[in-house]
């Protein structure tokens, strides 16, 4: 009986950013390892988004985008790419498709260029990216 009452409580924690369909779709293309958790699937969506944004920027701006090679070669820097994807704040729209704002993608590229220029360790790079995200949010809120 206690179980029924507990199940009627509203959900706690963060609201989902991506639809279940988007997470399942991303998990089908997990190239590094099997995705077992919602958080792992979200990381994968953010990483794929960052890779797509970086590659498109490199393609359209070969000279300016050349330093971004460091993020992708010889092996993709998975943790940094996942954090960079969070900068753009992609999310699932009402119809389940991925949505984003151009301003946030520009911010992603700006931060990616900074990280690629400095070539930090993963720990320092993740801290840099998170600090920039906090500053972007403060600017937006002000």
N, C-alpha and C. Protein backbone atom coordinates (compact mmCIF):
# COMPACT_ATOMS: atom_id res chain seq x y z
N UNK A 1 0.82 -1.19 0.00
CA UNK A 1 0.00 0.00 0.00
C UNK A 1 0.86 1.26 0.00
N UNK A 2 1.91 1.25 0.77
CA UNK A 2 2.81 2.40 0.80
C UNK A 2 3.40 2.63 -0.60
N UNK A 3 3.57 1.56 -1.33
CA UNK A 3 4.12 1.66 -2.67
C UNK A 3 3.21 2.46 -3.60
N UNK A 4 1.93 2.23 -3.54
CA UNK A 4 0.99 2.97 -4.38
C UNK A 4 1.03 4.46 -4.07
N UNK A 5 1.04 4.79 -2.78
CA UNK A 5 1.06 6.20 -2.40
C UNK A 5 2.35 6.86 -2.89
N UNK A 6 3.45 6.15 -2.80
CA UNK A 6 4.73 6.71 -3.23
C UNK A 6 4.73 6.95 -4.74
N UNK A 7 4.09 6.07 -5.49
CA UNK A 7 4.10 6.21 -6.95
C UNK A 7 3.23 7.37 -7.43
N UNK A 8 2.34 7.86 -6.59
CA UNK A 8 1.47 8.96 -6.97
C UNK A 8 2.11 10.32 -6.76
N UNK A 9 3.26 10.35 -6.09
CA UNK A 9 3.95 11.62 -5.86
C UNK A 9 4.49 12.15 -7.19
N UNK A 10 4.55 13.47 -7.33
CA UNK A 10 5.11 14.03 -8.56
C UNK A 10 6.58 13.66 -8.67
N UNK A 11 7.07 13.62 -9.92
CA UNK A 11 8.47 13.29 -10.15
C UNK A 11 9.37 14.36 -9.59
N UNK A 12 10.51 13.93 -9.10
CA UNK A 12 11.47 14.86 -8.54
C UNK A 12 12.67 14.95 -9.46
N UNK A 13 13.50 15.93 -9.23
CA UNK A 13 14.72 16.08 -10.00
C UNK A 13 14.53 16.97 -11.21
N UNK A 14 15.50 16.92 -12.09
CA UNK A 14 15.49 17.78 -13.27
C UNK A 14 14.49 17.28 -14.30
N UNK A 15 13.93 18.24 -15.02
CA UNK A 15 13.04 17.86 -16.12
C UNK A 15 13.89 17.26 -17.24
N UNK A 16 13.35 16.31 -17.97
CA UNK A 16 14.11 15.73 -19.09
C UNK A 16 14.36 16.79 -20.17
N UNK A 17 15.57 16.80 -20.70
CA UNK A 17 15.94 17.75 -21.75
C UNK A 17 15.63 17.16 -23.12
N UNK A 18 15.83 15.85 -23.24
CA UNK A 18 15.63 15.17 -24.51
C UNK A 18 14.50 14.16 -24.40
N UNK A 19 13.79 13.98 -25.49
CA UNK A 19 12.71 12.99 -25.51
C UNK A 19 13.31 11.58 -25.43
N UNK A 20 12.50 10.64 -24.99
CA UNK A 20 12.96 9.25 -24.94
C UNK A 20 13.34 8.75 -26.33
N UNK A 21 12.61 9.18 -27.35
CA UNK A 21 12.93 8.78 -28.72
C UNK A 21 14.31 9.27 -29.13
N UNK A 22 14.63 10.52 -28.80
CA UNK A 22 15.94 11.09 -29.14
C UNK A 22 17.06 10.32 -28.43
N UNK A 23 16.84 9.97 -27.17
CA UNK A 23 17.85 9.23 -26.41
C UNK A 23 18.03 7.82 -26.97
N UNK A 24 16.93 7.17 -27.33
CA UNK A 24 17.03 5.82 -27.93
C UNK A 24 17.77 5.89 -29.26
N UNK A 25 17.44 6.90 -30.05
CA UNK A 25 18.08 7.07 -31.35
C UNK A 25 19.59 7.27 -31.18
N UNK A 26 19.97 8.10 -30.23
CA UNK A 26 21.40 8.34 -29.97
C UNK A 26 22.09 7.08 -29.49
N UNK A 27 21.43 6.34 -28.61
CA UNK A 27 22.04 5.13 -28.06
C UNK A 27 22.30 4.07 -29.13
N UNK A 28 21.51 4.08 -30.20
CA UNK A 28 21.72 3.12 -31.29
C UNK A 28 23.06 3.36 -31.98
N UNK A 29 23.54 4.59 -31.91
CA UNK A 29 24.78 4.93 -32.60
C UNK A 29 25.94 5.16 -31.65
N UNK A 30 25.87 4.54 -30.48
CA UNK A 30 26.97 4.66 -29.52
C UNK A 30 28.16 3.90 -30.08
N UNK A 31 29.22 4.61 -30.40
CA UNK A 31 30.38 4.01 -31.03
C UNK A 31 31.44 3.59 -30.03
N UNK A 32 31.46 4.18 -28.85
CA UNK A 32 32.50 3.90 -27.88
C UNK A 32 32.14 2.72 -26.98
N UNK A 33 30.93 2.73 -26.47
CA UNK A 33 30.50 1.65 -25.57
C UNK A 33 28.98 1.65 -25.51
N UNK A 34 28.46 0.66 -24.86
CA UNK A 34 27.01 0.53 -24.73
C UNK A 34 26.49 1.56 -23.73
N UNK A 35 25.44 2.26 -24.11
CA UNK A 35 24.84 3.27 -23.24
C UNK A 35 23.80 2.57 -22.38
N UNK A 36 23.95 2.71 -21.04
CA UNK A 36 23.06 2.00 -20.13
C UNK A 36 22.15 2.91 -19.32
N UNK A 37 22.50 4.18 -19.21
CA UNK A 37 21.71 5.08 -18.36
C UNK A 37 21.21 6.27 -19.16
N UNK A 38 20.22 6.94 -18.60
CA UNK A 38 19.69 8.16 -19.23
C UNK A 38 20.79 9.21 -19.32
N UNK A 39 21.58 9.35 -18.27
CA UNK A 39 22.68 10.33 -18.26
C UNK A 39 23.70 10.01 -19.37
N UNK A 40 24.01 8.73 -19.53
CA UNK A 40 24.94 8.34 -20.60
C UNK A 40 24.40 8.66 -21.98
N UNK A 41 23.09 8.45 -22.15
CA UNK A 41 22.46 8.77 -23.43
C UNK A 41 22.45 10.28 -23.66
N UNK A 42 22.21 11.06 -22.60
CA UNK A 42 22.24 12.52 -22.73
C UNK A 42 23.64 12.99 -23.11
N UNK A 43 24.65 12.44 -22.45
CA UNK A 43 26.03 12.79 -22.81
C UNK A 43 26.29 12.52 -24.28
N UNK A 44 25.78 11.42 -24.76
CA UNK A 44 25.98 11.05 -26.16
C UNK A 44 25.30 12.05 -27.09
N UNK A 45 24.09 12.48 -26.76
CA UNK A 45 23.39 13.47 -27.59
C UNK A 45 24.17 14.78 -27.59
N UNK A 46 24.61 15.23 -26.42
CA UNK A 46 25.38 16.47 -26.35
C UNK A 46 26.68 16.34 -27.16
N UNK A 47 27.35 15.21 -27.03
CA UNK A 47 28.61 14.98 -27.76
C UNK A 47 28.38 15.00 -29.27
N UNK A 48 27.34 14.30 -29.72
CA UNK A 48 27.04 14.27 -31.16
C UNK A 48 26.72 15.67 -31.67
N UNK A 49 26.00 16.44 -30.87
CA UNK A 49 25.66 17.81 -31.26
C UNK A 49 26.92 18.65 -31.40
N UNK A 50 27.82 18.54 -30.41
CA UNK A 50 29.07 19.31 -30.45
C UNK A 50 29.92 18.91 -31.65
N UNK A 51 30.02 17.62 -31.92
CA UNK A 51 30.81 17.16 -33.07
C UNK A 51 30.24 17.72 -34.36
N UNK A 52 28.93 17.67 -34.50
CA UNK A 52 28.29 18.20 -35.72
C UNK A 52 28.55 19.69 -35.86
N UNK A 53 28.42 20.45 -34.77
CA UNK A 53 28.64 21.90 -34.83
C UNK A 53 30.09 22.22 -35.17
N UNK A 54 31.01 21.52 -34.54
CA UNK A 54 32.44 21.75 -34.79
C UNK A 54 32.80 21.40 -36.23
N UNK A 55 32.32 20.26 -36.70
CA UNK A 55 32.64 19.85 -38.08
C UNK A 55 32.04 20.81 -39.11
N UNK A 56 30.83 21.27 -38.87
CA UNK A 56 30.23 22.24 -39.79
C UNK A 56 31.00 23.56 -39.80
N UNK A 57 31.45 23.99 -38.62
CA UNK A 57 32.23 25.22 -38.55
C UNK A 57 33.56 25.05 -39.28
N UNK A 58 34.21 23.91 -39.07
CA UNK A 58 35.50 23.65 -39.74
C UNK A 58 35.33 23.60 -41.25
N UNK A 59 34.21 23.05 -41.69
CA UNK A 59 33.95 22.95 -43.13
C UNK A 59 33.69 24.32 -43.75
N UNK A 60 32.95 25.16 -43.05
CA UNK A 60 32.61 26.47 -43.62
C UNK A 60 33.69 27.53 -43.37
N UNK A 61 34.54 27.31 -42.37
CA UNK A 61 35.62 28.25 -42.06
C UNK A 61 36.92 27.46 -41.85
N UNK A 62 37.51 26.94 -42.93
CA UNK A 62 38.67 26.03 -42.79
C UNK A 62 39.85 26.62 -42.00
N UNK A 63 40.18 27.88 -42.23
CA UNK A 63 41.34 28.44 -41.54
C UNK A 63 41.04 28.73 -40.07
N UNK A 64 39.91 29.36 -39.82
CA UNK A 64 39.54 29.68 -38.43
C UNK A 64 39.26 28.40 -37.63
N UNK A 65 38.72 27.39 -38.30
CA UNK A 65 38.34 26.16 -37.62
C UNK A 65 39.44 25.13 -37.49
N UNK A 66 40.60 25.39 -38.09
CA UNK A 66 41.70 24.42 -38.06
C UNK A 66 42.11 24.00 -36.63
N UNK A 67 42.18 24.94 -35.67
CA UNK A 67 42.57 24.52 -34.32
C UNK A 67 41.60 23.51 -33.69
N UNK A 68 40.37 23.47 -34.17
CA UNK A 68 39.37 22.55 -33.60
C UNK A 68 39.70 21.09 -33.88
N UNK A 69 40.63 20.86 -34.79
CA UNK A 69 41.10 19.49 -35.06
C UNK A 69 41.54 18.80 -33.78
N UNK A 70 42.14 19.58 -32.87
CA UNK A 70 42.64 19.03 -31.62
C UNK A 70 41.54 18.30 -30.84
N UNK A 71 40.30 18.76 -30.94
CA UNK A 71 39.20 18.13 -30.22
C UNK A 71 38.78 16.79 -30.83
N UNK A 72 39.08 16.59 -32.10
CA UNK A 72 38.57 15.42 -32.82
C UNK A 72 39.63 14.40 -33.20
N UNK A 73 40.88 14.81 -33.29
CA UNK A 73 41.94 13.93 -33.77
C UNK A 73 43.13 13.92 -32.84
N UNK A 74 43.82 12.82 -32.66
CA UNK A 74 43.64 11.53 -33.34
C UNK A 74 42.43 10.75 -32.81
N UNK A 75 42.04 11.03 -31.56
CA UNK A 75 40.82 10.43 -31.00
C UNK A 75 39.94 11.56 -30.48
N UNK A 76 38.63 11.45 -30.65
CA UNK A 76 37.76 12.50 -30.11
C UNK A 76 37.91 12.61 -28.59
N UNK A 77 37.92 13.80 -28.09
CA UNK A 77 38.01 14.04 -26.65
C UNK A 77 36.57 14.06 -26.12
N UNK A 78 36.08 12.85 -25.82
CA UNK A 78 34.68 12.63 -25.52
C UNK A 78 34.14 13.52 -24.40
N UNK A 79 34.84 13.60 -23.28
CA UNK A 79 34.34 14.38 -22.15
C UNK A 79 34.24 15.86 -22.50
N UNK A 80 35.25 16.38 -23.17
CA UNK A 80 35.22 17.80 -23.55
C UNK A 80 34.10 18.06 -24.55
N UNK A 81 33.91 17.15 -25.48
CA UNK A 81 32.84 17.32 -26.48
C UNK A 81 31.46 17.27 -25.83
N UNK A 82 31.28 16.39 -24.86
CA UNK A 82 29.99 16.32 -24.16
C UNK A 82 29.71 17.63 -23.43
N UNK A 83 30.72 18.17 -22.76
CA UNK A 83 30.55 19.45 -22.07
C UNK A 83 30.30 20.59 -23.05
N UNK A 84 31.00 20.58 -24.17
CA UNK A 84 30.78 21.62 -25.18
C UNK A 84 29.35 21.57 -25.72
N UNK A 85 28.82 20.37 -25.91
CA UNK A 85 27.45 20.23 -26.38
C UNK A 85 26.45 20.88 -25.44
N UNK A 86 26.74 20.84 -24.15
CA UNK A 86 25.85 21.46 -23.16
C UNK A 86 25.81 22.99 -23.30
N UNK A 87 26.89 23.58 -23.80
CA UNK A 87 26.94 25.03 -23.97
C UNK A 87 25.83 25.49 -24.92
N UNK A 88 25.57 24.71 -25.97
CA UNK A 88 24.56 25.10 -26.97
C UNK A 88 23.13 24.88 -26.49
N UNK A 89 22.96 24.18 -25.39
CA UNK A 89 21.63 23.91 -24.81
C UNK A 89 20.63 23.34 -25.83
N UNK A 90 21.03 22.29 -26.57
CA UNK A 90 20.03 21.67 -27.44
C UNK A 90 18.98 20.96 -26.58
N UNK A 91 17.79 20.81 -27.12
CA UNK A 91 16.72 20.13 -26.38
C UNK A 91 15.70 19.58 -27.37
N UNK A 92 14.88 18.67 -26.89
CA UNK A 92 13.81 18.13 -27.72
C UNK A 92 12.64 19.09 -27.70
N UNK A 93 12.12 19.41 -28.89
CA UNK A 93 10.95 20.28 -29.00
C UNK A 93 9.68 19.50 -28.73
N UNK A 94 8.56 20.16 -28.94
CA UNK A 94 7.27 19.53 -28.67
C UNK A 94 7.03 18.30 -29.53
N UNK A 95 7.55 18.31 -30.75
CA UNK A 95 7.35 17.17 -31.64
C UNK A 95 8.46 16.13 -31.50
N UNK A 96 9.38 16.35 -30.55
CA UNK A 96 10.44 15.38 -30.31
C UNK A 96 11.71 15.63 -31.11
N UNK A 97 11.70 16.62 -32.00
CA UNK A 97 12.90 16.89 -32.79
C UNK A 97 13.86 17.77 -31.99
N UNK A 98 15.13 17.70 -32.34
CA UNK A 98 16.16 18.47 -31.65
C UNK A 98 16.08 19.94 -32.04
N UNK A 99 16.12 20.83 -31.05
CA UNK A 99 16.04 22.27 -31.29
C UNK A 99 17.19 22.96 -30.58
N UNK A 100 17.61 24.14 -31.09
CA UNK A 100 18.66 24.93 -30.48
C UNK A 100 18.57 26.35 -30.99
N UNK A 101 19.30 27.25 -30.33
CA UNK A 101 19.35 28.66 -30.74
C UNK A 101 20.72 28.93 -31.37
N UNK A 102 20.73 29.73 -32.43
CA UNK A 102 21.98 30.04 -33.13
C UNK A 102 22.98 30.72 -32.19
N UNK A 103 22.50 31.59 -31.30
CA UNK A 103 23.39 32.26 -30.36
C UNK A 103 24.16 31.25 -29.52
N UNK A 104 23.48 30.22 -29.07
CA UNK A 104 24.13 29.22 -28.22
C UNK A 104 25.13 28.38 -29.01
N UNK A 105 24.86 28.15 -30.28
CA UNK A 105 25.82 27.41 -31.11
C UNK A 105 27.06 28.28 -31.33
N UNK A 106 26.88 29.58 -31.52
CA UNK A 106 28.04 30.48 -31.63
C UNK A 106 28.87 30.44 -30.36
N UNK A 107 28.19 30.38 -29.22
CA UNK A 107 28.91 30.28 -27.95
C UNK A 107 29.69 28.97 -27.86
N UNK A 108 29.07 27.89 -28.31
CA UNK A 108 29.76 26.60 -28.32
C UNK A 108 31.06 26.70 -29.11
N UNK A 109 31.00 27.29 -30.30
CA UNK A 109 32.19 27.41 -31.15
C UNK A 109 33.22 28.31 -30.49
N UNK A 110 32.77 29.39 -29.89
CA UNK A 110 33.67 30.31 -29.20
C UNK A 110 34.44 29.59 -28.09
N UNK A 111 33.74 28.82 -27.28
CA UNK A 111 34.37 28.08 -26.19
C UNK A 111 35.25 26.97 -26.75
N UNK A 112 34.81 26.29 -27.80
CA UNK A 112 35.60 25.22 -28.40
C UNK A 112 36.93 25.76 -28.93
N UNK A 113 36.91 26.93 -29.55
CA UNK A 113 38.15 27.54 -30.04
C UNK A 113 39.08 27.88 -28.88
N UNK A 114 38.52 28.38 -27.79
CA UNK A 114 39.33 28.70 -26.62
C UNK A 114 39.98 27.44 -26.03
N UNK A 115 39.19 26.38 -25.91
CA UNK A 115 39.70 25.12 -25.36
C UNK A 115 40.76 24.53 -26.29
N UNK A 116 40.49 24.53 -27.59
CA UNK A 116 41.45 23.97 -28.55
C UNK A 116 42.75 24.78 -28.56
N UNK A 117 42.65 26.08 -28.36
CA UNK A 117 43.85 26.92 -28.32
C UNK A 117 44.71 26.59 -27.10
N UNK A 118 44.05 26.40 -25.93
CA UNK A 118 44.78 26.16 -24.68
C UNK A 118 45.22 24.71 -24.51
N UNK A 119 44.53 23.77 -25.17
CA UNK A 119 44.83 22.33 -25.06
C UNK A 119 44.99 21.86 -23.60
N UNK A 120 43.96 22.08 -22.79
CA UNK A 120 44.05 21.70 -21.37
C UNK A 120 43.87 20.19 -21.18
N UNK A 121 44.17 19.74 -19.96
CA UNK A 121 43.82 18.37 -19.61
C UNK A 121 42.30 18.28 -19.57
N UNK A 122 41.78 17.09 -19.51
CA UNK A 122 40.32 16.92 -19.49
C UNK A 122 39.71 17.62 -18.27
N UNK A 123 40.30 17.42 -17.12
CA UNK A 123 39.76 18.01 -15.88
C UNK A 123 39.73 19.54 -15.98
N UNK A 124 40.82 20.13 -16.43
CA UNK A 124 40.89 21.60 -16.54
C UNK A 124 39.96 22.09 -17.64
N UNK A 125 39.90 21.35 -18.75
CA UNK A 125 39.02 21.73 -19.86
C UNK A 125 37.55 21.72 -19.48
N UNK A 126 37.13 20.69 -18.77
CA UNK A 126 35.74 20.60 -18.32
C UNK A 126 35.42 21.77 -17.38
N UNK A 127 36.36 22.10 -16.50
CA UNK A 127 36.15 23.22 -15.58
C UNK A 127 36.05 24.54 -16.36
N UNK A 128 36.88 24.72 -17.39
CA UNK A 128 36.82 25.92 -18.23
C UNK A 128 35.45 26.06 -18.89
N UNK A 129 34.99 24.96 -19.47
CA UNK A 129 33.72 24.97 -20.20
C UNK A 129 32.56 25.26 -19.24
N UNK A 130 32.57 24.62 -18.08
CA UNK A 130 31.50 24.85 -17.11
C UNK A 130 31.50 26.30 -16.61
N UNK A 131 32.69 26.85 -16.42
CA UNK A 131 32.78 28.25 -15.99
C UNK A 131 32.19 29.17 -17.06
N UNK A 132 32.50 28.92 -18.31
CA UNK A 132 31.95 29.73 -19.40
C UNK A 132 30.43 29.59 -19.48
N UNK A 133 29.92 28.37 -19.28
CA UNK A 133 28.46 28.17 -19.29
C UNK A 133 27.80 28.99 -18.20
N UNK A 134 28.40 28.99 -17.00
CA UNK A 134 27.84 29.78 -15.89
C UNK A 134 27.82 31.27 -16.25
N UNK A 135 28.90 31.75 -16.86
CA UNK A 135 28.95 33.15 -17.24
C UNK A 135 27.91 33.48 -18.31
N UNK A 136 27.73 32.58 -19.28
CA UNK A 136 26.72 32.80 -20.32
C UNK A 136 25.34 32.88 -19.69
N UNK A 137 25.06 31.99 -18.75
CA UNK A 137 23.75 32.01 -18.08
C UNK A 137 23.54 33.29 -17.30
N UNK A 138 24.59 33.78 -16.64
CA UNK A 138 24.50 35.03 -15.87
C UNK A 138 24.22 36.20 -16.82
N UNK A 139 24.88 36.21 -17.98
CA UNK A 139 24.64 37.28 -18.98
C UNK A 139 23.21 37.24 -19.47
N UNK A 140 22.70 36.04 -19.74
CA UNK A 140 21.35 35.88 -20.25
C UNK A 140 20.32 36.31 -19.21
N UNK A 141 20.57 36.00 -17.94
CA UNK A 141 19.64 36.33 -16.87
C UNK A 141 19.62 37.83 -16.56
N UNK A 142 20.73 38.49 -16.83
CA UNK A 142 20.82 39.93 -16.50
C UNK A 142 20.08 40.80 -17.48
